[in-house]
Amino acid sequence: MAQRRRSERLVETVGSGVAELRPDPDRDTAYTLLLDGAPQSHVDLADPTHLQFEYVRRMAAAIDLLAPPGQPVRALHLGGGALTVPRYIATTRPGSAQRVVEIDGPLVEFVRRALPLPAKANIRVRVGDARAAVEGMRDAGYDLIVLDVFAGARTPAHLTSVEFARELARVLDPAGHLVANVTDGPPLRYAKAQVATIRAALPEACLVADASVLRGRRFGNLVVIAGRTPPPVAGLARRAAGDWFPGRLETDLDRFAGGTKPVTDSVAVASPSPPAGLFGNGA
């Protein structure tokens, strides 16, 4: 694969705003994708297993542990960005059949052109709305669903309801799992509601996050792993504790949710906006 010069920065207007690919100053073959200044994805073309964002490493840890090492999986990714997690799975689980749903067609083309996928990666990208796409899929078609959808910096309301969670459960294999990125800040009302909502459809769950996020001290990412069978909590706890930025595993989700009820379509809202200045200048 031809490598772009490290100093080259690309900017293009896409459907969701202004997309920028910014070279990583520390890795010659790595780039950060930003949308309207907010970091969305980080990809190292030479080493797709290098994961810069801590929440993505938490997702990858779950993916590593949900099936035997190297075993191919049927994976559905809702939200595309720079296709960081599909590239990771293609490298760590060769032969996996992967489908990506991304609503921003111009962004898909920008990423495909600027950050080409590996030649043997079996990754199909469909341009469309995540919920509409899932509603048209067959039952039990996937071992893994990765939910990481943002319009700007917020998850759209129609992807936060129990009706949608039940659709995700329907297209999952009975032994499959959902790995979902939830963003929230103090006092974690949205995250608690999302945990209750996901568990209404996939009751066996845990979450991993930075301790300061779990304590309601700052805005951040919470990764929820849910299914009909228990997630690998011991392994997840070890991986979280051993990360560059150690995380904490929460298994008592009844206590975490604190009686919060699942969210229905009639009252669903988008995820909270990040605090002003959270991303600084996007670096």
C-alpha atoms as a PDB file:
ATOM      1  CA  MET A   1       0.000   0.000   0.000  1.00  0.00           C
ATOM      2  CA  ALA A   2       1.351   3.425  -0.926  1.00  0.00           C
ATOM      3  CA  GLN A   3       1.909   5.529   2.159  1.00  0.00           C
ATOM      4  CA  ARG A   4       0.808   9.147   2.239  1.00  0.00           C
ATOM      5  CA  ARG A   5       3.416  11.671   3.311  1.00  0.00           C
ATOM      6  CA  ARG A   6       3.311  12.235   7.037  1.00  0.00           C
ATOM      7  CA  SER A   7       2.793  16.000   6.654  1.00  0.00           C
ATOM      8  CA  GLU A   8      -0.204  15.722   4.345  1.00  0.00           C
ATOM      9  CA  ARG A   9      -3.510  16.863   5.881  1.00  0.00           C
ATOM     10  CA  LEU A  10      -6.783  16.321   4.045  1.00  0.00           C
ATOM     11  CA  VAL A  11      -9.977  18.308   4.564  1.00  0.00           C
ATOM     12  CA  GLU A  12     -13.284  17.662   2.805  1.00  0.00           C
ATOM     13  CA  THR A  13     -16.909  18.642   3.308  1.00  0.00           C
ATOM     14  CA  VAL A  14     -19.066  15.546   3.833  1.00  0.00           C
ATOM     15  CA  GLY A  15     -22.700  15.001   4.740  1.00  0.00           C
ATOM     16  CA  SER A  16     -22.182  15.424   8.483  1.00  0.00           C
ATOM     17  CA  GLY A  17     -19.876  18.436   8.347  1.00  0.00           C
ATOM     18  CA  VAL A  18     -16.211  19.078   7.667  1.00  0.00           C
ATOM     19  CA  ALA A  19     -14.051  15.951   7.734  1.00  0.00           C
ATOM     20  CA  GLU A  20     -10.333  16.234   8.362  1.00  0.00           C
ATOM     21  CA  LEU A  21      -7.659  13.558   8.251  1.00  0.00           C
ATOM     22  CA  ARG A  22      -4.774  14.679  10.408  1.00  0.00           C
ATOM     23  CA  PRO A  23      -1.455  12.767  10.388  1.00  0.00           C
ATOM     24  CA  ASP A  24      -0.326  11.334  13.724  1.00  0.00           C
ATOM     25  CA  PRO A  25       2.916  13.103  14.650  1.00  0.00           C
ATOM     26  CA  ASP A  26       4.206   9.956  16.377  1.00  0.00           C
ATOM     27  CA  ARG A  27       3.276   7.277  13.814  1.00  0.00           C
ATOM     28  CA  ASP A  28       4.120   7.733  10.136  1.00  0.00           C
ATOM     29  CA  THR A  29       1.238   5.595   8.859  1.00  0.00           C
ATOM     30  CA  ALA A  30      -1.465   6.730  11.286  1.00  0.00           C
ATOM     31  CA  TYR A  31      -4.208   9.337  10.961  1.00  0.00           C
ATOM     32  CA  THR A  32      -6.967  10.821  13.076  1.00  0.00           C
ATOM     33  CA  LEU A  33     -10.353  11.490  11.507  1.00  0.00           C
ATOM     34  CA  LEU A  34     -12.094  14.591  12.872  1.00  0.00           C
ATOM     35  CA  LEU A  35     -15.608  15.807  12.074  1.00  0.00           C
ATOM     36  CA  ASP A  36     -16.164  19.502  12.726  1.00  0.00           C
ATOM     37  CA  GLY A  37     -13.094  19.428  14.958  1.00  0.00           C
ATOM     38  CA  ALA A  38     -14.211  16.478  17.121  1.00  0.00           C
ATOM     39  CA  PRO A  39     -11.983  13.370  16.953  1.00  0.00           C
ATOM     40  CA  GLN A  40     -13.967  10.425  15.556  1.00  0.00           C
ATOM     41  CA  SER A  41     -11.461   7.700  14.686  1.00  0.00           C
ATOM     42  CA  HIS A  42      -7.760   6.893  14.680  1.00  0.00           C
ATOM     43  CA  VAL A  43      -6.292   4.412  12.194  1.00  0.00           C
ATOM     44  CA  ASP A  44      -2.776   3.101  11.660  1.00  0.00           C
ATOM     45  CA  LEU A  45      -2.725   1.725   8.118  1.00  0.00           C
ATOM     46  CA  ALA A  46       0.404  -0.332   8.796  1.00  0.00           C
ATOM     47  CA  ASP A  47      -0.852  -1.719  12.121  1.00  0.00           C
ATOM     48  CA  PRO A  48      -4.650  -1.872  12.486  1.00  0.00           C
ATOM     49  CA  THR A  49      -4.206  -3.427  15.940  1.00  0.00           C
ATOM     50  CA  HIS A  50      -2.811  -0.149  17.289  1.00  0.00           C
ATOM     51  CA  LEU A  51      -5.823   1.506  18.920  1.00  0.00           C
ATOM     52  CA  GLN A  52      -5.300   5.056  20.101  1.00  0.00           C
ATOM     53  CA  PHE A  53      -8.667   5.840  21.730  1.00  0.00           C
ATOM     54  CA  GLU A  54      -9.187   4.205  25.100  1.00  0.00           C
ATOM     55  CA  TYR A  55     -12.878   3.411  24.551  1.00  0.00           C
ATOM     56  CA  VAL A  56     -11.973   1.638  21.296  1.00  0.00           C
ATOM     57  CA  ARG A  57      -9.430  -0.474  23.184  1.00  0.00           C
ATOM     58  CA  ARG A  58     -12.196  -1.397  25.627  1.00  0.00           C
ATOM     59  CA  MET A  59     -14.420  -2.427  22.723  1.00  0.00           C
ATOM     60  CA  ALA A  60     -11.574  -4.416  21.184  1.00  0.00           C
ATOM     61  CA  ALA A  61     -10.919  -6.183  24.498  1.00  0.00           C
ATOM     62  CA  ALA A  62     -14.538  -7.349  24.541  1.00  0.00           C
ATOM     63  CA  ILE A  63     -14.324  -8.486  20.923  1.00  0.00           C
ATOM     64  CA  ASP A  64     -11.134 -10.422  21.694  1.00  0.00           C
ATOM     65  CA  LEU A  65     -12.798 -12.237  24.578  1.00  0.00           C
ATOM     66  CA  LEU A  66     -16.218 -12.990  23.094  1.00  0.00           C
ATOM     67  CA  ALA A  67     -14.893 -15.750  20.804  1.00  0.00           C
ATOM     68  CA  PRO A  68     -11.771 -17.937  20.752  1.00  0.00           C
ATOM     69  CA  PRO A  69      -8.673 -16.116  19.424  1.00  0.00           C
ATOM     70  CA  GLY A  70      -8.533 -15.925  15.644  1.00  0.00           C
ATOM     71  CA  GLN A  71     -12.008 -17.377  15.135  1.00  0.00           C
ATOM     72  CA  PRO A  72     -13.915 -15.553  12.372  1.00  0.00           C
ATOM     73  CA  VAL A  73     -17.118 -13.796  13.411  1.00  0.00           C
ATOM     74  CA  ARG A  74     -20.128 -12.350  11.654  1.00  0.00           C
ATOM     75  CA  ALA A  75     -19.958  -8.710  12.670  1.00  0.00           C
ATOM     76  CA  LEU A  76     -22.323  -5.805  12.139  1.00  0.00           C
ATOM     77  CA  HIS A  77     -20.978  -2.292  12.748  1.00  0.00           C
ATOM     78  CA  LEU A  78     -23.491   0.517  13.156  1.00  0.00           C
ATOM     79  CA  GLY A  79     -21.501   3.694  12.563  1.00  0.00           C
ATOM     80  CA  GLY A  80     -18.441   3.695  10.345  1.00  0.00           C
ATOM     81  CA  GLY A  81     -16.059   6.587  10.885  1.00  0.00           C
ATOM     82  CA  ALA A  82     -12.642   5.532   9.610  1.00  0.00           C
ATOM     83  CA  LEU A  83     -13.551   1.824  10.059  1.00  0.00           C
ATOM     84  CA  THR A  84     -11.106   1.336  12.923  1.00  0.00           C
ATOM     85  CA  VAL A  85     -12.864  -1.636  14.540  1.00  0.00           C
ATOM     86  CA  PRO A  86     -13.655  -3.447  11.250  1.00  0.00           C
ATOM     87  CA  ARG A  87      -9.966  -3.148  10.319  1.00  0.00           C
ATOM     88  CA  TYR A  88      -9.017  -4.533  13.745  1.00  0.00           C
ATOM     89  CA  ILE A  89     -11.315  -7.541  13.374  1.00  0.00           C
ATOM     90  CA  ALA A  90     -10.116  -8.204   9.814  1.00  0.00           C
ATOM     91  CA  THR A  91      -6.563  -8.376  11.180  1.00  0.00           C
ATOM     92  CA  THR A  92      -7.178 -10.315  14.394  1.00  0.00           C
ATOM     93  CA  ARG A  93      -9.935 -12.588  13.052  1.00  0.00           C
ATOM     94  CA  PRO A  94      -9.145 -13.234   9.372  1.00  0.00           C
ATOM     95  CA  GLY A  95     -12.069 -14.544   7.381  1.00  0.00           C
ATOM     96  CA  SER A  96     -14.663 -12.614   9.389  1.00  0.00           C
ATOM     97  CA  ALA A  97     -17.681 -11.441   7.400  1.00  0.00           C
ATOM     98  CA  GLN A  98     -18.287  -7.808   8.314  1.00  0.00           C
ATOM     99  CA  ARG A  99     -20.991  -5.349   7.384  1.00  0.00           C
ATOM    100  CA  VAL A 100     -20.891  -1.635   8.185  1.00  0.00           C
ATOM    101  CA  VAL A 101     -23.845   0.761   8.103  1.00  0.00           C
ATOM    102  CA  GLU A 102     -22.898   4.445   7.867  1.00  0.00           C
ATOM    103  CA  ILE A 103     -25.387   7.183   7.018  1.00  0.00           C
ATOM    104  CA  ASP A 104     -22.853   9.652   5.581  1.00  0.00           C
ATOM    105  CA  GLY A 105     -22.129   8.549   2.010  1.00  0.00           C
ATOM    106  CA  PRO A 106     -19.568  11.279   1.240  1.00  0.00           C
ATOM    107  CA  LEU A 107     -17.689  10.356   4.432  1.00  0.00           C
ATOM    108  CA  VAL A 108     -17.592   6.708   3.340  1.00  0.00           C
ATOM    109  CA  GLU A 109     -16.092   7.707  -0.007  1.00  0.00           C
ATOM    110  CA  PHE A 110     -13.586  10.051   1.641  1.00  0.00           C
ATOM    111  CA  VAL A 111     -12.380   7.319   3.991  1.00  0.00           C
ATOM    112  CA  ARG A 112     -12.249   4.667   1.269  1.00  0.00           C
ATOM    113  CA  ARG A 113     -10.191   6.957  -0.956  1.00  0.00           C
ATOM    114  CA  ALA A 114      -7.825   8.325   1.680  1.00  0.00           C
ATOM    115  CA  LEU A 115      -7.501   5.275   3.962  1.00  0.00           C
ATOM    116  CA  PRO A 116      -7.910   2.192   1.750  1.00  0.00           C
ATOM    117  CA  LEU A 117      -9.051  -1.034   3.337  1.00  0.00           C
ATOM    118  CA  PRO A 118      -6.745  -4.079   3.267  1.00  0.00           C
ATOM    119  CA  ALA A 119      -7.179  -6.025   0.036  1.00  0.00           C
ATOM    120  CA  LYS A 120      -8.387  -9.227   1.725  1.00  0.00           C
ATOM    121  CA  ALA A 121     -10.686  -7.601   4.288  1.00  0.00           C
ATOM    122  CA  ASN A 122     -14.244  -8.869   3.850  1.00  0.00           C
ATOM    123  CA  ILE A 123     -15.853  -5.560   4.866  1.00  0.00           C
ATOM    124  CA  ARG A 124     -18.984  -4.358   3.102  1.00  0.00           C
ATOM    125  CA  VAL A 125     -20.171  -0.827   3.722  1.00  0.00           C
ATOM    126  CA  ARG A 126     -23.791   0.169   3.242  1.00  0.00           C
ATOM    127  CA  VAL A 127     -24.845   3.810   3.223  1.00  0.00           C
ATOM    128  CA  GLY A 128     -28.045   4.254   5.207  1.00  0.00           C
ATOM    129  CA  ASP A 129     -29.716   4.817   8.542  1.00  0.00           C
ATOM    130  CA  ALA A 130     -28.704   2.282  11.178  1.00  0.00           C
ATOM    131  CA  ARG A 131     -32.194   1.558  12.462  1.00  0.00           C
ATOM    132  CA  ALA A 132     -33.759   1.243   9.029  1.00  0.00           C
ATOM    133  CA  ALA A 133     -30.974  -1.115   7.990  1.00  0.00           C
ATOM    134  CA  VAL A 134     -31.347  -3.318  11.084  1.00  0.00           C
ATOM    135  CA  GLU A 135     -35.116  -3.516  10.692  1.00  0.00           C
ATOM    136  CA  GLY A 136     -34.575  -5.058   7.244  1.00  0.00           C
ATOM    137  CA  MET A 137     -32.099  -7.709   8.394  1.00  0.00           C
ATOM    138  CA  ARG A 138     -32.787 -11.373   9.011  1.00  0.00           C
ATOM    139  CA  ASP A 139     -32.997 -12.925  12.466  1.00  0.00           C
ATOM    140  CA  ALA A 140     -29.837 -14.227  14.179  1.00  0.00           C
ATOM    141  CA  GLY A 141     -27.529 -13.131  11.376  1.00  0.00           C
ATOM    142  CA  TYR A 142     -24.649 -11.789  13.491  1.00  0.00           C
ATOM    143  CA  ASP A 143     -22.394 -12.965  16.289  1.00  0.00           C
ATOM    144  CA  LEU A 144     -21.393  -9.416  17.161  1.00  0.00           C
ATOM    145  CA  ILE A 145     -22.944  -5.963  16.834  1.00  0.00           C
ATOM    146  CA  VAL A 146     -20.801  -2.881  17.469  1.00  0.00           C
ATOM    147  CA  LEU A 147     -22.966   0.184  18.093  1.00  0.00           C
ATOM    148  CA  ASP A 148     -21.049   3.456  17.797  1.00  0.00           C
ATOM    149  CA  VAL A 149     -23.289   5.939  15.959  1.00  0.00           C
ATOM    150  CA  PHE A 150     -22.978   9.695  16.279  1.00  0.00           C
ATOM    151  CA  ALA A 151     -24.529  12.578  14.398  1.00  0.00           C
ATOM    152  CA  GLY A 152     -22.033  15.268  15.256  1.00  0.00           C
ATOM    153  CA  ALA A 153     -21.158  14.399  18.853  1.00  0.00           C
ATOM    154  CA  ARG A 154     -24.538  12.889  19.807  1.00  0.00           C
ATOM    155  CA  THR A 155     -26.217   9.520  19.283  1.00  0.00           C
ATOM    156  CA  PRO A 156     -29.557  10.100  17.505  1.00  0.00           C
ATOM    157  CA  ALA A 157     -32.689   9.577  19.607  1.00  0.00           C
ATOM    158  CA  HIS A 158     -34.171   6.817  17.443  1.00  0.00           C
ATOM    159  CA  LEU A 159     -31.130   4.648  18.264  1.00  0.00           C
ATOM    160  CA  THR A 160     -31.597   4.950  22.029  1.00  0.00           C
ATOM    161  CA  SER A 161     -34.972   3.225  22.542  1.00  0.00           C
ATOM    162  CA  VAL A 162     -35.998  -0.214  23.724  1.00  0.00           C
ATOM    163  CA  GLU A 163     -37.751  -0.802  20.405  1.00  0.00           C
ATOM    164  CA  PHE A 164     -34.402  -0.427  18.665  1.00  0.00           C
ATOM    165  CA  ALA A 165     -32.646  -2.559  21.292  1.00  0.00           C
ATOM    166  CA  ARG A 166     -35.125  -5.349  20.591  1.00  0.00           C
ATOM    167  CA  GLU A 167     -34.325  -5.124  16.883  1.00  0.00           C
ATOM    168  CA  LEU A 168     -30.635  -5.483  17.710  1.00  0.00           C
ATOM    169  CA  ALA A 169     -31.413  -8.527  19.855  1.00  0.00           C
ATOM    170  CA  ARG A 170     -33.451 -10.022  17.021  1.00  0.00           C
ATOM    171  CA  VAL A 171     -30.590  -9.898  14.510  1.00  0.00           C
ATOM    172  CA  LEU A 172     -28.056 -11.251  17.032  1.00  0.00           C
ATOM    173  CA  ASP A 173     -27.341 -14.962  17.235  1.00  0.00           C
ATOM    174  CA  PRO A 174     -28.654 -16.349  20.561  1.00  0.00           C
ATOM    175  CA  ALA A 175     -25.028 -16.603  21.758  1.00  0.00           C
ATOM    176  CA  GLY A 176     -24.051 -13.237  20.278  1.00  0.00           C
ATOM    177  CA  HIS A 177     -23.261  -9.942  21.990  1.00  0.00           C
ATOM    178  CA  LEU A 178     -23.725  -6.237  21.542  1.00  0.00           C
ATOM    179  CA  VAL A 179     -20.795  -3.895  22.245  1.00  0.00           C
ATOM    180  CA  ALA A 180     -22.120  -0.337  22.543  1.00  0.00           C
ATOM    181  CA  ASN A 181     -20.398   2.996  23.049  1.00  0.00           C
ATOM    182  CA  VAL A 182     -22.404   5.288  25.344  1.00  0.00           C
ATOM    183  CA  THR A 183     -21.265   8.841  26.095  1.00  0.00           C
ATOM    184  CA  ASP A 184     -22.447  10.806  29.098  1.00  0.00           C
ATOM    185  CA  GLY A 185     -21.383  13.046  31.959  1.00  0.00           C
ATOM    186  CA  PRO A 186     -22.524  13.838  35.490  1.00  0.00           C
ATOM    187  CA  PRO A 187     -24.981  12.677  36.808  1.00  0.00           C
ATOM    188  CA  LEU A 188     -25.072   9.856  34.200  1.00  0.00           C
ATOM    189  CA  ARG A 189     -28.841   9.940  33.702  1.00  0.00           C
ATOM    190  CA  TYR A 190     -28.553   9.092  30.020  1.00  0.00           C
ATOM    191  CA  ALA A 191     -26.071   6.241  30.624  1.00  0.00           C
ATOM    192  CA  LYS A 192     -28.289   4.732  33.320  1.00  0.00           C
ATOM    193  CA  ALA A 193     -31.279   4.892  30.986  1.00  0.00           C
ATOM    194  CA  GLN A 194     -29.275   3.267  28.177  1.00  0.00           C
ATOM    195  CA  VAL A 195     -28.155   0.441  30.441  1.00  0.00           C
ATOM    196  CA  ALA A 196     -31.774  -0.193  31.453  1.00  0.00           C
ATOM    197  CA  THR A 197     -32.883   0.001  27.821  1.00  0.00           C
ATOM    198  CA  ILE A 198     -30.260  -2.397  26.480  1.00  0.00           C
ATOM    199  CA  ARG A 199     -30.831  -4.878  29.316  1.00  0.00           C
ATOM    200  CA  ALA A 200     -34.553  -4.966  28.555  1.00  0.00           C
ATOM    201  CA  ALA A 201     -33.586  -6.777  25.352  1.00  0.00           C
ATOM    202  CA  LEU A 202     -30.200  -8.297  26.251  1.00  0.00           C
ATOM    203  CA  PRO A 203     -30.234  -8.888  30.009  1.00  0.00           C
ATOM    204  CA  GLU A 204     -26.753 -10.313  30.626  1.00  0.00           C
ATOM    205  CA  ALA A 205     -24.537  -7.240  30.653  1.00  0.00           C
ATOM    206  CA  CYS A 206     -21.660  -5.306  32.151  1.00  0.00           C
ATOM    207  CA  LEU A 207     -19.935  -2.033  31.379  1.00  0.00           C
ATOM    208  CA  VAL A 208     -16.382  -0.720  31.338  1.00  0.00           C
ATOM    209  CA  ALA A 209     -15.343   2.898  31.789  1.00  0.00           C
ATOM    210  CA  ASP A 210     -12.799   5.167  33.395  1.00  0.00           C
ATOM    211  CA  ALA A 211     -13.375   5.284  37.153  1.00  0.00           C
ATOM    212  CA  SER A 212     -13.858   9.054  37.078  1.00  0.00           C
ATOM    213  CA  VAL A 213     -16.616   8.678  34.481  1.00  0.00           C
ATOM    214  CA  LEU A 214     -18.342   5.968  36.521  1.00  0.00           C
ATOM    215  CA  ARG A 215     -18.193   8.180  39.596  1.00  0.00           C
ATOM    216  CA  GLY A 216     -19.870  10.997  37.700  1.00  0.00           C
ATOM    217  CA  ARG A 217     -16.871  13.302  37.815  1.00  0.00           C
ATOM    218  CA  ARG A 218     -16.404  13.927  34.096  1.00  0.00           C
ATOM    219  CA  PHE A 219     -17.886  13.377  30.649  1.00  0.00           C
ATOM    220  CA  GLY A 220     -16.657  10.290  28.839  1.00  0.00           C
ATOM    221  CA  ASN A 221     -17.307   6.926  27.208  1.00  0.00           C
ATOM    222  CA  LEU A 222     -18.923   3.890  28.791  1.00  0.00           C
ATOM    223  CA  VAL A 223     -18.710   0.621  26.865  1.00  0.00           C
ATOM    224  CA  VAL A 224     -21.655  -1.712  27.441  1.00  0.00           C
ATOM    225  CA  ILE A 225     -21.295  -5.427  26.607  1.00  0.00           C
ATOM    226  CA  ALA A 226     -24.643  -7.234  26.547  1.00  0.00           C
ATOM    227  CA  GLY A 227     -26.186 -10.478  25.360  1.00  0.00           C
ATOM    228  CA  ARG A 228     -28.394 -13.369  26.345  1.00  0.00           C
ATOM    229  CA  THR A 229     -25.391 -15.179  27.800  1.00  0.00           C
ATOM    230  CA  PRO A 230     -23.006 -13.667  30.380  1.00  0.00           C
ATOM    231  CA  PRO A 231     -20.088 -11.577  29.094  1.00  0.00           C
ATOM    232  CA  PRO A 232     -16.537 -12.661  30.020  1.00  0.00           C
ATOM    233  CA  VAL A 233     -16.307 -10.438  33.091  1.00  0.00           C
ATOM    234  CA  ALA A 234     -13.069 -11.837  34.534  1.00  0.00           C
ATOM    235  CA  GLY A 235     -11.173 -11.285  31.318  1.00  0.00           C
ATOM    236  CA  LEU A 236     -12.721  -7.874  30.796  1.00  0.00           C
ATOM    237  CA  ALA A 237     -11.705  -6.812  34.300  1.00  0.00           C
ATOM    238  CA  ARG A 238      -8.104  -7.894  33.660  1.00  0.00           C
ATOM    239  CA  ARG A 239      -7.936  -6.113  30.327  1.00  0.00           C
ATOM    240  CA  ALA A 240      -9.453  -2.932  31.736  1.00  0.00           C
ATOM    241  CA  ALA A 241      -7.050  -2.875  34.675  1.00  0.00           C
ATOM    242  CA  GLY A 242      -4.061  -3.438  32.405  1.00  0.00           C
ATOM    243  CA  ASP A 243      -4.880  -0.733  29.869  1.00  0.00           C
ATOM    244  CA  TRP A 244      -2.643   2.324  29.297  1.00  0.00           C
ATOM    245  CA  PHE A 245      -5.431   4.244  31.051  1.00  0.00           C
ATOM    246  CA  PRO A 246      -6.906   1.705  33.483  1.00  0.00           C
ATOM    247  CA  GLY A 247     -10.665   1.292  33.449  1.00  0.00           C
ATOM    248  CA  ARG A 248     -13.171  -0.202  35.850  1.00  0.00           C
ATOM    249  CA  LEU A 249     -15.616  -3.006  35.207  1.00  0.00           C
ATOM    250  CA  GLU A 250     -19.149  -2.581  36.568  1.00  0.00           C
ATOM    251  CA  THR A 251     -21.237  -5.747  36.855  1.00  0.00           C
ATOM    252  CA  ASP A 252     -23.967  -4.663  39.283  1.00  0.00           C
ATOM    253  CA  LEU A 253     -26.048  -2.886  36.683  1.00  0.00           C
ATOM    254  CA  ASP A 254     -29.195  -2.968  38.816  1.00  0.00           C
ATOM    255  CA  ARG A 255     -27.369  -0.752  41.266  1.00  0.00           C
ATOM    256  CA  PHE A 256     -25.840   1.360  38.508  1.00  0.00           C
ATOM    257  CA  ALA A 257     -29.193   2.015  36.802  1.00  0.00           C
ATOM    258  CA  GLY A 258     -30.843   2.682  40.164  1.00  0.00           C
ATOM    259  CA  GLY A 259     -34.378   1.820  39.066  1.00  0.00           C
ATOM    260  CA  THR A 260     -34.217   3.826  35.830  1.00  0.00           C
ATOM    261  CA  LYS A 261     -36.823   2.601  33.343  1.00  0.00           C
ATOM    262  CA  PRO A 262     -36.092   1.598  29.740  1.00  0.00           C
ATOM    263  CA  VAL A 263     -36.550   4.368  27.184  1.00  0.00           C
ATOM    264  CA  THR A 264     -39.317   3.992  24.584  1.00  0.00           C
ATOM    265  CA  ASP A 265     -39.563   5.638  21.186  1.00  0.00           C
ATOM    266  CA  SER A 266     -42.142   8.090  22.527  1.00  0.00           C
ATOM    267  CA  VAL A 267     -39.697   9.675  24.987  1.00  0.00           C
ATOM    268  CA  ALA A 268     -36.273   8.884  23.482  1.00  0.00           C
ATOM    269  CA  VAL A 269     -33.760  11.714  23.231  1.00  0.00           C
ATOM    270  CA  ALA A 270     -30.304  12.047  21.713  1.00  0.00           C
ATOM    271  CA  SER A 271     -27.276  11.536  23.915  1.00  0.00           C
ATOM    272  CA  PRO A 272     -25.994  14.616  25.767  1.00  0.00           C
ATOM    273  CA  SER A 273     -23.701  17.064  24.012  1.00  0.00           C
ATOM    274  CA  PRO A 274     -20.101  17.007  25.232  1.00  0.00           C
ATOM    275  CA  PRO A 275     -19.085  19.987  27.362  1.00  0.00           C
ATOM    276  CA  ALA A 276     -17.847  23.003  25.441  1.00  0.00           C
ATOM    277  CA  GLY A 277     -14.113  22.834  24.910  1.00  0.00           C
ATOM    278  CA  LEU A 278     -13.851  19.094  25.608  1.00  0.00           C
ATOM    279  CA  PHE A 279     -11.941  18.496  22.385  1.00  0.00           C
ATOM    280  CA  GLY A 280      -9.902  21.690  22.500  1.00  0.00           C
ATOM    281  CA  ASN A 281      -8.644  22.329  19.000  1.00  0.00           C
ATOM    282  CA  GLY A 282      -9.349  18.721  17.975  1.00  0.00           C
ATOM    283  CA  ALA A 283      -5.822  17.519  18.632  1.00  0.00           C
END
